[in-house]
């Protein structure tokens, strides 16, 4: 009896993808996010505190060198976590990165 045909190998994304973002925290209530990597699609930013429900802002496409401000005026910067979510055009996968100010 012949063995079953082999399945094609599963292609997995490169696990060493560097985060494309740089955060300027000089103004803690308005950190500036800069895209230092390649173009990203469907970028979104979420902010959440221990007492406040999560808020989301849609940024859409962010090109290399683009700078975007996250407004945290009405929250305590010591009590907020910011999450960036984006898709790379190369693979269409969603990536997530969190930071604090």
Protein backbone atom coordinates (compact mmCIF):
# COMPACT_ATOMS: atom_id res chain seq x y z
CA UNK A 1 0.00 0.00 0.00
CA UNK A 2 1.39 3.42 -1.01
CA UNK A 3 1.69 6.16 1.61
CA UNK A 4 -0.79 9.09 1.33
CA UNK A 5 0.44 12.10 -0.66
CA UNK A 6 2.31 14.68 1.38
CA UNK A 7 0.55 17.94 2.20
CA UNK A 8 2.26 21.11 1.00
CA UNK A 9 4.19 22.86 3.79
CA UNK A 10 2.36 25.61 5.65
CA UNK A 11 3.89 29.04 5.01
CA UNK A 12 4.36 30.92 8.25
CA UNK A 13 5.18 34.64 8.52
CA UNK A 14 8.64 35.66 9.64
CA UNK A 15 8.42 35.85 13.46
CA UNK A 16 11.15 38.49 13.68
CA UNK A 17 9.18 41.41 12.20
CA UNK A 18 10.36 44.62 13.96
CA UNK A 19 7.72 47.00 15.29
CA UNK A 20 7.61 49.98 12.89
CA UNK A 21 6.63 52.57 15.51
CA UNK A 22 8.60 55.14 17.49
CA UNK A 23 6.93 57.01 20.36
CA UNK A 24 7.85 60.57 21.34
CA UNK A 25 6.68 60.92 24.96
CA UNK A 26 7.87 64.49 25.63
CA UNK A 27 4.23 65.56 26.03
CA UNK A 28 2.67 62.68 27.97
CA UNK A 29 -0.88 63.80 27.18
CA UNK A 30 -0.09 63.95 23.43
CA UNK A 31 2.46 61.25 22.55
CA UNK A 32 3.47 61.32 18.89
CA UNK A 33 3.69 58.03 17.01
CA UNK A 34 6.03 57.90 13.99
CA UNK A 35 6.05 55.12 11.42
CA UNK A 36 9.73 54.23 10.98
CA UNK A 37 9.00 51.08 8.97
CA UNK A 38 7.15 50.30 5.77
CA UNK A 39 3.63 51.30 4.86
CA UNK A 40 0.91 49.87 7.10
CA UNK A 41 -2.80 49.53 6.35
CA UNK A 42 -5.87 49.81 8.56
CA UNK A 43 -3.95 51.23 11.53
CA UNK A 44 -6.02 51.78 14.67
CA UNK A 45 -5.15 53.09 18.10
CA UNK A 46 -6.91 52.07 21.31
CA UNK A 47 -6.53 53.69 24.72
CA UNK A 48 -7.79 52.22 27.96
CA UNK A 49 -7.55 53.12 31.64
CA UNK A 50 -8.59 51.22 34.74
CA UNK A 51 -11.78 53.34 35.00
CA UNK A 52 -12.52 54.15 31.36
CA UNK A 53 -13.79 51.84 28.62
CA UNK A 54 -11.57 51.35 25.63
CA UNK A 55 -11.61 54.07 22.98
CA UNK A 56 -10.63 53.49 19.37
CA UNK A 57 -9.46 55.86 16.66
CA UNK A 58 -9.04 54.74 13.06
CA UNK A 59 -5.90 56.02 11.34
CA UNK A 60 -6.21 54.06 8.10
CA UNK A 61 -3.10 53.89 5.93
CA UNK A 62 0.10 55.18 7.54
CA UNK A 63 3.07 55.78 5.25
CA UNK A 64 6.74 55.68 6.27
CA UNK A 65 7.64 58.89 8.12
CA UNK A 66 4.03 59.78 8.98
CA UNK A 67 3.56 61.18 12.49
CA UNK A 68 0.27 60.85 14.35
CA UNK A 69 -0.70 62.24 17.74
CA UNK A 70 -2.60 60.28 20.38
CA UNK A 71 -4.72 62.67 22.48
CA UNK A 72 -4.84 61.60 26.13
CA UNK A 73 -6.01 64.97 27.51
CA UNK A 74 -8.92 63.63 29.51
CA UNK A 75 -7.17 60.66 31.14
CA UNK A 76 -4.39 60.21 33.68
CA UNK A 77 -1.25 59.35 31.66
CA UNK A 78 -0.07 57.16 34.55
CA UNK A 79 -3.21 55.02 34.17
CA UNK A 80 -3.41 54.48 30.42
CA UNK A 81 -2.28 51.74 28.07
CA UNK A 82 -2.21 52.51 24.35
CA UNK A 83 -2.54 49.71 21.81
CA UNK A 84 -1.65 50.04 18.14
CA UNK A 85 -3.12 47.54 15.67
CA UNK A 86 -2.22 47.43 11.98
CA UNK A 87 -2.01 45.25 8.88
CA UNK A 88 1.06 44.89 6.68
CA UNK A 89 0.29 44.86 2.94
CA UNK A 90 2.86 42.06 2.46
CA UNK A 91 0.91 39.43 4.38
CA UNK A 92 -2.44 40.96 5.41
CA UNK A 93 -1.99 39.78 9.01
CA UNK A 94 -2.97 41.98 11.95
CA UNK A 95 -0.18 43.02 14.30
CA UNK A 96 -0.66 44.48 17.79
CA UNK A 97 1.75 46.46 19.99
CA UNK A 98 1.09 48.13 23.35
CA UNK A 99 2.90 50.94 25.10
CA UNK A 100 2.54 53.19 28.13
CA UNK A 101 3.46 56.83 28.41
